[in-house]
Amino acid sequence: MKAVPSERCGSCGRDVAAHDTVQTSGEEGPEMLCCRCFNERAAEQMGLNFAHPAFEAMMLTDCRGAGHEFHFRTQLVPSGLLVEAFELKGGWPGGYKFAVFGDFEEDAMELFGELLGRMRRALARKDLKAGETGREIGPERTVRGRITWDDESDGRLPLLVVDGEEVTWDELGRMLMTFEGFQLRLEVRDRTDEV
């Protein structure tokens, strides 16, 4: 198993997982901060009384019995509080990712509960199934996932993450060809929307 990349926080000096950092820019140039220090600074600048919540990693099981270890991150953004959950692939966020957004006044534990509900609902279903020629679209004829960068195409084509697994644009096209002649509706949603 690969070691999780780490960064040193420019404020508190702790070594933290790189996925739990925010790069800021200030008068003295760019600075890497852990999320806790970033949130403390942001709260002070915005005049908020904010206690940074720390959520421990947890293991959840999907409908096929596979375990997924999720890590959490909370970040104050200009319009509210973002709470994210993600798996690590090669030490970086990958696989399943979820996010919820709330107002500054919203209770972080309530947002976490909403996030956990979304995670469990998503893990309780699979949109793809194994077929004779590889993965196929399941009987619901619905594919839900996330759009990411595909290094293989230098970002000219998207790489999708469906059921927590990478699906190339070509592979999705092959799956769709089994429905030749059918109609298609493609919706793109914000990453904090439930799909």
C-alpha atoms as a PDB file:
ATOM      1  CA  MET A   1       0.000   0.000   0.000  1.00  0.00           C
ATOM      2  CA  LYS A   2       1.307   3.435  -0.953  1.00  0.00           C
ATOM      3  CA  ALA A   3       2.082   5.945   1.742  1.00  0.00           C
ATOM      4  CA  VAL A   4      -0.305   8.870   1.890  1.00  0.00           C
ATOM      5  CA  PRO A   5       1.489  12.024   0.657  1.00  0.00           C
ATOM      6  CA  SER A   6       1.897  14.629   3.374  1.00  0.00           C
ATOM      7  CA  GLU A   7       2.506  18.363   3.616  1.00  0.00           C
ATOM      8  CA  ARG A   8       3.727  20.570   6.445  1.00  0.00           C
ATOM      9  CA  CYS A   9       1.215  23.205   7.533  1.00  0.00           C
ATOM     10  CA  GLY A  10       2.667  26.706   7.203  1.00  0.00           C
ATOM     11  CA  SER A  11       0.792  27.823  10.311  1.00  0.00           C
ATOM     12  CA  CYS A  12       0.875  25.087  12.987  1.00  0.00           C
ATOM     13  CA  GLY A  13       3.869  23.198  11.542  1.00  0.00           C
ATOM     14  CA  ARG A  14       2.192  19.767  11.717  1.00  0.00           C
ATOM     15  CA  ASP A  15       2.689  17.191   8.976  1.00  0.00           C
ATOM     16  CA  VAL A  16      -0.776  16.349   7.643  1.00  0.00           C
ATOM     17  CA  ALA A  17      -2.122  14.270   4.781  1.00  0.00           C
ATOM     18  CA  ALA A  18      -1.825  16.289   1.558  1.00  0.00           C
ATOM     19  CA  HIS A  19      -5.536  15.790   0.887  1.00  0.00           C
ATOM     20  CA  ASP A  20      -6.245  17.667   4.136  1.00  0.00           C
ATOM     21  CA  THR A  21      -4.493  20.879   3.059  1.00  0.00           C
ATOM     22  CA  VAL A  22      -5.437  24.099   1.294  1.00  0.00           C
ATOM     23  CA  GLN A  23      -3.017  26.252  -0.667  1.00  0.00           C
ATOM     24  CA  THR A  24      -3.604  29.920   0.054  1.00  0.00           C
ATOM     25  CA  SER A  25      -2.135  33.046  -1.448  1.00  0.00           C
ATOM     26  CA  GLY A  26      -1.272  36.045   0.635  1.00  0.00           C
ATOM     27  CA  GLU A  27       0.973  39.054   0.650  1.00  0.00           C
ATOM     28  CA  GLU A  28       4.010  36.829   1.203  1.00  0.00           C
ATOM     29  CA  GLY A  29       3.112  34.386  -1.577  1.00  0.00           C
ATOM     30  CA  PRO A  30       1.524  30.921  -1.562  1.00  0.00           C
ATOM     31  CA  GLU A  31       1.219  29.060   1.726  1.00  0.00           C
ATOM     32  CA  MET A  32       0.085  25.503   2.451  1.00  0.00           C
ATOM     33  CA  LEU A  33      -2.258  25.222   5.445  1.00  0.00           C
ATOM     34  CA  CYS A  34      -3.921  22.247   7.059  1.00  0.00           C
ATOM     35  CA  CYS A  35      -7.719  22.481   6.859  1.00  0.00           C
ATOM     36  CA  ARG A  36      -7.964  23.209  10.589  1.00  0.00           C
ATOM     37  CA  CYS A  37      -5.653  26.239  10.363  1.00  0.00           C
ATOM     38  CA  PHE A  38      -7.302  27.365   7.125  1.00  0.00           C
ATOM     39  CA  ASN A  39     -10.752  27.191   8.735  1.00  0.00           C
ATOM     40  CA  GLU A  40      -9.530  29.051  11.842  1.00  0.00           C
ATOM     41  CA  ARG A  41      -8.134  31.874   9.679  1.00  0.00           C
ATOM     42  CA  ALA A  42     -11.231  31.997   7.491  1.00  0.00           C
ATOM     43  CA  ALA A  43     -13.522  32.070  10.535  1.00  0.00           C
ATOM     44  CA  GLU A  44     -11.507  34.901  12.080  1.00  0.00           C
ATOM     45  CA  GLN A  45     -11.566  36.936   8.845  1.00  0.00           C
ATOM     46  CA  MET A  46     -15.331  36.402   8.465  1.00  0.00           C
ATOM     47  CA  GLY A  47     -16.083  37.040  12.137  1.00  0.00           C
ATOM     48  CA  LEU A  48     -17.513  33.555  12.675  1.00  0.00           C
ATOM     49  CA  ASN A  49     -17.560  31.485  15.823  1.00  0.00           C
ATOM     50  CA  PHE A  50     -16.510  28.196  14.230  1.00  0.00           C
ATOM     51  CA  ALA A  51     -15.229  25.012  15.847  1.00  0.00           C
ATOM     52  CA  HIS A  52     -13.475  22.830  13.267  1.00  0.00           C
ATOM     53  CA  PRO A  53     -15.067  19.357  13.417  1.00  0.00           C
ATOM     54  CA  ALA A  54     -12.782  16.350  13.038  1.00  0.00           C
ATOM     55  CA  PHE A  55     -14.449  13.249  11.623  1.00  0.00           C
ATOM     56  CA  GLU A  56     -12.571   9.970  11.871  1.00  0.00           C
ATOM     57  CA  ALA A  57     -12.178   7.736   8.812  1.00  0.00           C
ATOM     58  CA  MET A  58     -14.810   5.002   8.623  1.00  0.00           C
ATOM     59  CA  MET A  59     -15.434   1.800   6.702  1.00  0.00           C
ATOM     60  CA  LEU A  60     -18.758   1.298   4.898  1.00  0.00           C
ATOM     61  CA  THR A  61     -19.820  -1.782   2.929  1.00  0.00           C
ATOM     62  CA  ASP A  62     -21.525  -1.614  -0.467  1.00  0.00           C
ATOM     63  CA  CYS A  63     -24.388  -3.809  -1.703  1.00  0.00           C
ATOM     64  CA  ARG A  64     -21.919  -6.389  -3.036  1.00  0.00           C
ATOM     65  CA  GLY A  65     -20.154  -6.728   0.315  1.00  0.00           C
ATOM     66  CA  ALA A  66     -17.023  -4.742  -0.608  1.00  0.00           C
ATOM     67  CA  GLY A  67     -15.611  -2.421   2.037  1.00  0.00           C
ATOM     68  CA  HIS A  68     -14.851   1.228   1.320  1.00  0.00           C
ATOM     69  CA  GLU A  69     -12.778   3.350   3.706  1.00  0.00           C
ATOM     70  CA  PHE A  70     -13.903   6.975   3.710  1.00  0.00           C
ATOM     71  CA  HIS A  71     -11.961   9.994   4.895  1.00  0.00           C
ATOM     72  CA  PHE A  72     -13.585  13.332   5.675  1.00  0.00           C
ATOM     73  CA  ARG A  73     -12.712  16.970   5.186  1.00  0.00           C
ATOM     74  CA  THR A  74     -14.519  20.113   6.294  1.00  0.00           C
ATOM     75  CA  GLN A  75     -13.767  23.490   4.804  1.00  0.00           C
ATOM     76  CA  LEU A  76     -15.181  26.955   5.183  1.00  0.00           C
ATOM     77  CA  VAL A  77     -15.812  28.416   1.741  1.00  0.00           C
ATOM     78  CA  PRO A  78     -16.997  31.961   0.962  1.00  0.00           C
ATOM     79  CA  SER A  79     -20.672  30.990   1.044  1.00  0.00           C
ATOM     80  CA  GLY A  80     -20.822  28.331   3.780  1.00  0.00           C
ATOM     81  CA  LEU A  81     -19.450  25.040   5.065  1.00  0.00           C
ATOM     82  CA  LEU A  82     -18.456  22.170   2.784  1.00  0.00           C
ATOM     83  CA  VAL A  83     -18.205  18.638   4.196  1.00  0.00           C
ATOM     84  CA  GLU A  84     -16.649  16.020   1.930  1.00  0.00           C
ATOM     85  CA  ALA A  85     -16.155  12.238   2.096  1.00  0.00           C
ATOM     86  CA  PHE A  86     -13.812  10.355  -0.199  1.00  0.00           C
ATOM     87  CA  GLU A  87     -11.876   7.173  -0.652  1.00  0.00           C
ATOM     88  CA  LEU A  88      -8.126   7.254  -1.164  1.00  0.00           C
ATOM     89  CA  LYS A  89      -6.634   5.750  -4.311  1.00  0.00           C
ATOM     90  CA  GLY A  90      -2.842   5.826  -4.349  1.00  0.00           C
ATOM     91  CA  GLY A  91      -2.884   8.237  -1.427  1.00  0.00           C
ATOM     92  CA  TRP A  92      -5.132  10.789  -3.141  1.00  0.00           C
ATOM     93  CA  PRO A  93      -8.918  11.245  -3.170  1.00  0.00           C
ATOM     94  CA  GLY A  94     -10.444   8.891  -5.747  1.00  0.00           C
ATOM     95  CA  GLY A  95     -13.160   6.290  -6.068  1.00  0.00           C
ATOM     96  CA  TYR A  96     -16.348   7.319  -4.332  1.00  0.00           C
ATOM     97  CA  LYS A  97     -16.617  11.017  -3.404  1.00  0.00           C
ATOM     98  CA  PHE A  98     -19.514  12.792  -1.730  1.00  0.00           C
ATOM     99  CA  ALA A  99     -20.090  16.355  -0.548  1.00  0.00           C
ATOM    100  CA  VAL A 100     -22.757  18.375   1.229  1.00  0.00           C
ATOM    101  CA  PHE A 101     -22.955  22.109   1.658  1.00  0.00           C
ATOM    102  CA  GLY A 102     -24.569  24.162   4.388  1.00  0.00           C
ATOM    103  CA  ASP A 103     -24.809  27.686   5.737  1.00  0.00           C
ATOM    104  CA  PHE A 104     -22.232  29.006   8.185  1.00  0.00           C
ATOM    105  CA  GLU A 105     -24.746  28.604  11.025  1.00  0.00           C
ATOM    106  CA  GLU A 106     -25.591  25.006  10.165  1.00  0.00           C
ATOM    107  CA  ASP A 107     -24.507  22.334  12.613  1.00  0.00           C
ATOM    108  CA  ALA A 108     -21.571  20.358  11.178  1.00  0.00           C
ATOM    109  CA  MET A 109     -22.857  17.148  12.806  1.00  0.00           C
ATOM    110  CA  GLU A 110     -26.212  17.539  11.010  1.00  0.00           C
ATOM    111  CA  LEU A 111     -24.383  18.033   7.711  1.00  0.00           C
ATOM    112  CA  PHE A 112     -22.302  14.959   8.489  1.00  0.00           C
ATOM    113  CA  GLY A 113     -25.499  12.974   9.111  1.00  0.00           C
ATOM    114  CA  GLU A 114     -26.901  14.122   5.756  1.00  0.00           C
ATOM    115  CA  LEU A 115     -23.629  13.166   4.065  1.00  0.00           C
ATOM    116  CA  LEU A 116     -23.611   9.737   5.701  1.00  0.00           C
ATOM    117  CA  GLY A 117     -27.181   9.114   4.486  1.00  0.00           C
ATOM    118  CA  ARG A 118     -26.178   9.966   0.902  1.00  0.00           C
ATOM    119  CA  MET A 119     -23.167   7.700   1.134  1.00  0.00           C
ATOM    120  CA  ARG A 120     -25.227   4.750   2.368  1.00  0.00           C
ATOM    121  CA  ARG A 121     -27.870   5.238  -0.341  1.00  0.00           C
ATOM    122  CA  ALA A 122     -25.212   5.370  -3.069  1.00  0.00           C
ATOM    123  CA  LEU A 123     -23.416   2.279  -1.747  1.00  0.00           C
ATOM    124  CA  ALA A 124     -26.734   0.393  -1.640  1.00  0.00           C
ATOM    125  CA  ARG A 125     -27.001   0.437  -5.440  1.00  0.00           C
ATOM    126  CA  LYS A 126     -24.855  -0.455  -8.427  1.00  0.00           C
ATOM    127  CA  ASP A 127     -25.490   1.091 -11.820  1.00  0.00           C
ATOM    128  CA  LEU A 128     -23.122  -1.223 -13.687  1.00  0.00           C
ATOM    129  CA  LYS A 129     -23.093  -5.011 -13.791  1.00  0.00           C
ATOM    130  CA  ALA A 130     -20.709  -7.631 -15.118  1.00  0.00           C
ATOM    131  CA  GLY A 131     -21.595  -8.839 -18.598  1.00  0.00           C
ATOM    132  CA  GLU A 132     -20.212 -11.109 -21.293  1.00  0.00           C
ATOM    133  CA  THR A 133     -18.175  -8.314 -22.871  1.00  0.00           C
ATOM    134  CA  GLY A 134     -17.209  -6.475 -19.689  1.00  0.00           C
ATOM    135  CA  ARG A 135     -19.170  -4.009 -17.609  1.00  0.00           C
ATOM    136  CA  GLU A 136     -22.706  -3.214 -18.741  1.00  0.00           C
ATOM    137  CA  ILE A 137     -25.382  -0.741 -17.742  1.00  0.00           C
ATOM    138  CA  GLY A 138     -27.661  -2.359 -15.168  1.00  0.00           C
ATOM    139  CA  PRO A 139     -31.390  -3.085 -15.440  1.00  0.00           C
ATOM    140  CA  GLU A 140     -32.416   0.384 -14.193  1.00  0.00           C
ATOM    141  CA  ARG A 141     -30.743   1.859 -17.307  1.00  0.00           C
ATOM    142  CA  THR A 142     -29.278   4.643 -15.175  1.00  0.00           C
ATOM    143  CA  VAL A 143     -25.640   5.599 -14.806  1.00  0.00           C
ATOM    144  CA  ARG A 144     -24.704   7.953 -11.978  1.00  0.00           C
ATOM    145  CA  GLY A 145     -21.161   9.062 -11.346  1.00  0.00           C
ATOM    146  CA  ARG A 146     -18.569  11.787 -11.315  1.00  0.00           C
ATOM    147  CA  ILE A 147     -16.566  13.442 -14.091  1.00  0.00           C
ATOM    148  CA  THR A 148     -12.792  13.506 -13.592  1.00  0.00           C
ATOM    149  CA  TRP A 149      -9.640  14.215 -15.588  1.00  0.00           C
ATOM    150  CA  ASP A 150      -8.297  11.464 -17.850  1.00  0.00           C
ATOM    151  CA  ASP A 151      -4.482  11.572 -18.001  1.00  0.00           C
ATOM    152  CA  GLU A 152      -4.529   9.127 -20.916  1.00  0.00           C
ATOM    153  CA  SER A 153      -6.239  11.720 -23.138  1.00  0.00           C
ATOM    154  CA  ASP A 154      -4.489  14.760 -21.623  1.00  0.00           C
ATOM    155  CA  GLY A 155      -7.905  15.922 -20.421  1.00  0.00           C
ATOM    156  CA  ARG A 156      -9.468  15.984 -23.911  1.00  0.00           C
ATOM    157  CA  LEU A 157     -11.940  13.305 -22.802  1.00  0.00           C
ATOM    158  CA  PRO A 158     -13.466  12.805 -19.371  1.00  0.00           C
ATOM    159  CA  LEU A 159     -12.817   9.868 -17.123  1.00  0.00           C
ATOM    160  CA  LEU A 160     -15.919   8.875 -15.193  1.00  0.00           C
ATOM    161  CA  VAL A 161     -16.192   7.316 -11.755  1.00  0.00           C
ATOM    162  CA  VAL A 162     -19.256   5.061 -11.551  1.00  0.00           C
ATOM    163  CA  ASP A 163     -19.918   2.780  -8.578  1.00  0.00           C
ATOM    164  CA  GLY A 164     -16.608   4.050  -7.180  1.00  0.00           C
ATOM    165  CA  GLU A 165     -14.655   2.673 -10.185  1.00  0.00           C
ATOM    166  CA  GLU A 166     -13.073   4.452 -13.146  1.00  0.00           C
ATOM    167  CA  VAL A 167     -14.904   4.131 -16.478  1.00  0.00           C
ATOM    168  CA  THR A 168     -13.296   5.485 -19.635  1.00  0.00           C
ATOM    169  CA  TRP A 169     -15.293   7.486 -22.152  1.00  0.00           C
ATOM    170  CA  ASP A 170     -14.738   4.705 -24.705  1.00  0.00           C
ATOM    171  CA  GLU A 171     -15.987   2.073 -22.260  1.00  0.00           C
ATOM    172  CA  LEU A 172     -19.139   4.098 -21.547  1.00  0.00           C
ATOM    173  CA  GLY A 173     -19.649   4.447 -25.313  1.00  0.00           C
ATOM    174  CA  ARG A 174     -19.383   0.659 -25.739  1.00  0.00           C
ATOM    175  CA  MET A 175     -21.952   0.175 -22.960  1.00  0.00           C
ATOM    176  CA  LEU A 176     -24.307   2.675 -24.588  1.00  0.00           C
ATOM    177  CA  MET A 177     -24.134   0.909 -27.955  1.00  0.00           C
ATOM    178  CA  THR A 178     -26.175  -1.963 -26.522  1.00  0.00           C
ATOM    179  CA  PHE A 179     -29.013   0.600 -26.476  1.00  0.00           C
ATOM    180  CA  GLU A 180     -28.624   1.778 -30.075  1.00  0.00           C
ATOM    181  CA  GLY A 181     -31.862   3.429 -31.204  1.00  0.00           C
ATOM    182  CA  PHE A 182     -32.918   4.323 -27.653  1.00  0.00           C
ATOM    183  CA  GLN A 183     -33.123   7.901 -26.371  1.00  0.00           C
ATOM    184  CA  LEU A 184     -30.752   9.393 -23.826  1.00  0.00           C
ATOM    185  CA  ARG A 185     -30.978  12.129 -21.205  1.00  0.00           C
ATOM    186  CA  LEU A 186     -27.730  13.413 -19.713  1.00  0.00           C
ATOM    187  CA  GLU A 187     -27.844  15.624 -16.617  1.00  0.00           C
ATOM    188  CA  VAL A 188     -24.869  17.358 -15.048  1.00  0.00           C
ATOM    189  CA  ARG A 189     -25.289  18.293 -11.378  1.00  0.00           C
ATOM    190  CA  ASP A 190     -23.266  20.156  -8.768  1.00  0.00           C
ATOM    191  CA  ARG A 191     -20.999  17.914  -6.719  1.00  0.00           C
ATOM    192  CA  THR A 192     -23.058  18.625  -3.592  1.00  0.00           C
ATOM    193  CA  ASP A 193     -26.313  17.427  -5.201  1.00  0.00           C
ATOM    194  CA  GLU A 194     -27.517  13.900  -4.575  1.00  0.00           C
ATOM    195  CA  VAL A 195     -27.858  11.877  -7.781  1.00  0.00           C
END
